[in-house]
Amino acid sequence: MVTKKSSKSSAKSAGKKSASKKSASSRAPASKASKNEAIAQLTADHARVKKMFKQYEKLAKAEADDSEKQKLATTICAELTAHATAEEEIFYPAARSALPEPDLVDEADVEHASAKDLIAQIESSSPSDDHYDAKVKVLGEYIDHHVEEEEGEMFPKVRRAKVDTVALGEQIAARKAEIMQGKSR
């Protein structure tokens, strides 16, 4: 049983805990309840694609069948295209307006342009073509660099700017689903 005095102090400490939880949650990755929170979602995309690049590298080293490599490269390109499009249309404009210096967003845009160029080259060729494996490998290296900057610099700054990443995440999830659905047709 709780007395009035102890419930007041509990309410105060709960308020303090709640306030510190709020500030911690604005810095920490989203919980399971908000898996569609923008930064958690984009970070999960990064991890998923990184894993696919590692799978591709194993296939290339094992001199796997071209159809197997093509299928995985096509999946990588589709995932990256959906991710980049959603970032450019939804996340980057929000980051640009929230951050005092848009340099990180400008750099990310340029990195996306380079990645899109390689994606187009990969999509228009086949594993039997010269430099196909090299293009996939270089795309993976571009993406690794891009991810380091986003996760190490841009995402923390966006969190500190108190951008509504939950609302952005809902928009990003819907846009990516729309793009992926269009690719499967």
Protein backbone atom coordinates (compact mmCIF):
# COMPACT_ATOMS: atom_id res chain seq x y z
CA MET A 1 0.00 0.00 0.00
CA VAL A 2 1.30 3.45 -0.93
CA THR A 3 0.92 6.43 1.37
CA LYS A 4 0.14 9.91 0.08
CA LYS A 5 3.63 11.13 0.93
CA SER A 6 5.38 8.23 -0.81
CA SER A 7 3.10 8.47 -3.84
CA LYS A 8 4.04 12.17 -4.24
CA SER A 9 7.73 11.36 -4.11
CA SER A 10 7.13 8.42 -6.45
CA ALA A 11 5.32 10.73 -8.85
CA LYS A 12 8.22 13.21 -8.71
CA SER A 13 10.81 10.52 -9.32
CA ALA A 14 8.61 9.00 -12.04
CA GLY A 15 8.40 12.44 -13.63
CA LYS A 16 12.20 12.73 -13.49
CA LYS A 17 12.57 9.22 -14.87
CA SER A 18 10.05 10.01 -17.57
CA ALA A 19 11.93 13.20 -18.49
CA SER A 20 15.24 11.36 -18.64
CA LYS A 21 13.60 8.56 -20.61
CA LYS A 22 12.29 11.14 -23.07
CA SER A 23 15.72 12.65 -23.60
CA ALA A 24 17.29 9.20 -23.80
CA SER A 25 14.69 8.05 -26.30
CA SER A 26 15.43 11.03 -28.52
CA ARG A 27 19.05 9.80 -28.71
CA ALA A 28 18.64 6.04 -28.55
CA PRO A 29 17.41 3.81 -31.37
CA ALA A 30 13.66 3.38 -31.48
CA SER A 31 11.99 0.68 -29.47
CA LYS A 32 10.13 -2.26 -30.98
CA ALA A 33 6.92 -0.21 -30.71
CA SER A 34 8.30 2.31 -33.20
CA LYS A 35 10.25 0.09 -35.59
CA ASN A 36 9.14 2.44 -38.34
CA GLU A 37 10.85 5.40 -36.66
CA ALA A 38 12.90 6.94 -39.47
CA ILE A 39 16.42 6.55 -38.11
CA ALA A 40 15.82 3.03 -36.79
CA GLN A 41 14.32 2.06 -40.15
CA LEU A 42 17.12 3.59 -42.22
CA THR A 43 19.74 1.99 -39.96
CA ALA A 44 18.03 -1.40 -40.35
CA ASP A 45 18.11 -0.90 -44.14
CA HIS A 46 21.84 -0.19 -43.93
CA ALA A 47 22.48 -3.40 -41.97
CA ARG A 48 20.34 -5.50 -44.31
CA VAL A 49 22.10 -4.22 -47.44
CA LYS A 50 25.54 -4.61 -45.86
CA LYS A 51 24.71 -8.25 -45.22
CA MET A 52 23.65 -8.67 -48.87
CA PHE A 53 26.94 -7.17 -50.08
CA LYS A 54 28.82 -9.70 -47.95
CA GLN A 55 26.72 -12.49 -49.47
CA TYR A 56 27.51 -11.19 -52.94
CA GLU A 57 31.22 -11.09 -52.16
CA LYS A 58 31.08 -14.76 -51.11
CA LEU A 59 29.27 -15.65 -54.34
CA ALA A 60 31.85 -13.78 -56.42
CA LYS A 61 34.79 -15.47 -54.64
CA ALA A 62 33.16 -18.88 -55.07
CA GLU A 63 32.59 -18.11 -58.76
CA ALA A 64 28.91 -18.88 -58.25
CA ASP A 65 26.41 -19.22 -61.05
CA ASP A 66 25.71 -15.94 -62.88
CA SER A 67 21.95 -16.23 -62.29
CA GLU A 68 22.49 -16.42 -58.52
CA LYS A 69 24.75 -13.34 -58.56
CA GLN A 70 22.34 -11.47 -60.83
CA LYS A 71 19.40 -12.20 -58.55
CA LEU A 72 21.24 -10.91 -55.47
CA ALA A 73 22.63 -7.85 -57.26
CA THR A 74 19.12 -7.03 -58.52
CA THR A 75 17.79 -7.26 -54.94
CA ILE A 76 20.60 -5.04 -53.65
CA CYS A 77 19.90 -2.44 -56.34
CA ALA A 78 16.14 -2.49 -55.68
CA GLU A 79 16.65 -2.08 -51.91
CA LEU A 80 19.13 0.75 -52.39
CA THR A 81 16.89 2.52 -54.90
CA ALA A 82 13.87 2.41 -52.58
CA HIS A 83 15.97 3.50 -49.60
CA ALA A 84 17.70 6.36 -51.45
CA THR A 85 14.48 7.63 -53.00
CA ALA A 86 12.70 7.72 -49.65
CA GLU A 87 15.68 9.45 -48.03
CA GLU A 88 15.89 12.06 -50.77
CA GLU A 89 12.15 12.76 -50.87
CA ILE A 90 11.36 12.62 -47.14
CA PHE A 91 14.30 12.40 -44.74
CA TYR A 92 16.79 14.76 -46.37
CA PRO A 93 14.36 17.69 -46.75
CA ALA A 94 13.48 17.38 -43.04
CA ALA A 95 17.17 17.15 -42.11
CA ARG A 96 18.04 20.10 -44.35
CA SER A 97 15.43 22.33 -42.70
CA ALA A 98 16.33 21.20 -39.16
CA LEU A 99 20.12 21.39 -39.36
CA PRO A 100 21.90 24.75 -39.28
CA GLU A 101 24.48 23.61 -41.86
CA PRO A 102 23.21 21.59 -44.82
CA ASP A 103 26.69 20.27 -45.75
CA LEU A 104 25.99 16.71 -44.58
CA VAL A 105 22.78 16.57 -46.60
CA ASP A 106 24.54 18.01 -49.66
CA GLU A 107 27.27 15.37 -49.38
CA ALA A 108 24.68 12.62 -48.98
CA ASP A 109 22.92 13.82 -52.15
CA VAL A 110 26.20 13.63 -54.09
CA GLU A 111 26.93 10.17 -52.66
CA HIS A 112 23.47 9.03 -53.75
CA ALA A 113 24.13 10.30 -57.29
CA SER A 114 27.32 8.22 -57.48
CA ALA A 115 25.54 5.16 -56.14
CA LYS A 116 22.66 5.61 -58.61
CA ASP A 117 25.12 5.73 -61.48
CA LEU A 118 26.66 2.41 -60.42
CA ILE A 119 23.21 0.92 -59.80
CA ALA A 120 22.21 1.84 -63.37
CA GLN A 121 25.38 0.24 -64.71
CA ILE A 122 24.78 -2.94 -62.72
CA GLU A 123 21.11 -3.12 -63.72
CA SER A 124 21.94 -2.73 -67.41
CA SER A 125 24.60 -5.44 -67.45
CA SER A 126 25.04 -9.04 -66.40
CA PRO A 127 27.54 -10.99 -64.30
CA SER A 128 29.26 -12.25 -67.45
CA ASP A 129 30.16 -8.66 -68.41
CA ASP A 130 33.58 -7.22 -67.62
CA HIS A 131 33.78 -5.46 -64.27
CA TYR A 132 30.33 -6.59 -63.06
CA ASP A 133 31.66 -7.99 -59.78
CA ALA A 134 33.92 -4.95 -59.41
CA LYS A 135 30.94 -2.61 -59.83
CA VAL A 136 28.97 -4.42 -57.15
CA LYS A 137 32.00 -4.34 -54.83
CA VAL A 138 32.61 -0.61 -55.39
CA LEU A 139 28.92 0.10 -54.84
CA GLY A 140 29.23 -1.69 -51.49
CA GLU A 141 32.25 0.43 -50.60
CA TYR A 142 30.38 3.63 -51.53
CA ILE A 143 27.47 2.53 -49.38
CA ASP A 144 29.75 1.68 -46.42
CA HIS A 145 31.24 5.18 -46.55
CA HIS A 146 27.81 6.77 -46.90
CA VAL A 147 26.42 4.76 -43.97
CA GLU A 148 29.34 5.77 -41.72
CA GLU A 149 28.62 9.45 -42.35
CA GLU A 150 24.86 9.13 -41.93
CA GLU A 151 24.94 7.02 -38.79
CA GLY A 152 27.98 8.75 -37.27
CA GLU A 153 27.17 12.37 -38.09
CA MET A 154 23.82 13.13 -39.70
CA PHE A 155 21.51 10.91 -37.64
CA PRO A 156 22.79 12.14 -34.25
CA LYS A 157 22.41 15.76 -35.40
CA VAL A 158 18.87 15.11 -36.63
CA ARG A 159 18.00 13.53 -33.27
CA ARG A 160 19.42 16.52 -31.39
CA ALA A 161 17.39 18.85 -33.63
CA LYS A 162 14.26 17.12 -32.32
CA VAL A 163 12.89 16.21 -35.74
CA ASP A 164 9.71 14.10 -35.56
CA THR A 165 11.38 10.94 -36.78
CA VAL A 166 8.34 8.80 -35.98
CA ALA A 167 6.16 10.73 -38.43
CA LEU A 168 8.99 10.73 -40.98
CA GLY A 169 9.39 6.99 -40.50
CA GLU A 170 5.75 6.33 -41.34
CA GLN A 171 6.14 8.32 -44.56
CA ILE A 172 9.42 6.57 -45.41
CA ALA A 173 7.93 3.10 -44.85
CA ALA A 174 4.96 3.92 -47.08
CA ARG A 175 7.16 5.35 -49.83
CA LYS A 176 9.58 2.42 -49.81
CA ALA A 177 6.67 -0.04 -49.97
CA GLU A 178 5.24 1.87 -52.93
CA ILE A 179 8.59 1.79 -54.76
CA MET A 180 9.19 -1.90 -54.06
CA GLN A 181 5.67 -2.77 -55.19
CA GLY A 182 6.30 -0.92 -58.46
CA LYS A 183 9.55 -2.84 -58.99
CA SER A 184 7.85 -6.21 -58.54
CA ARG A 185 5.39 -5.51 -61.36
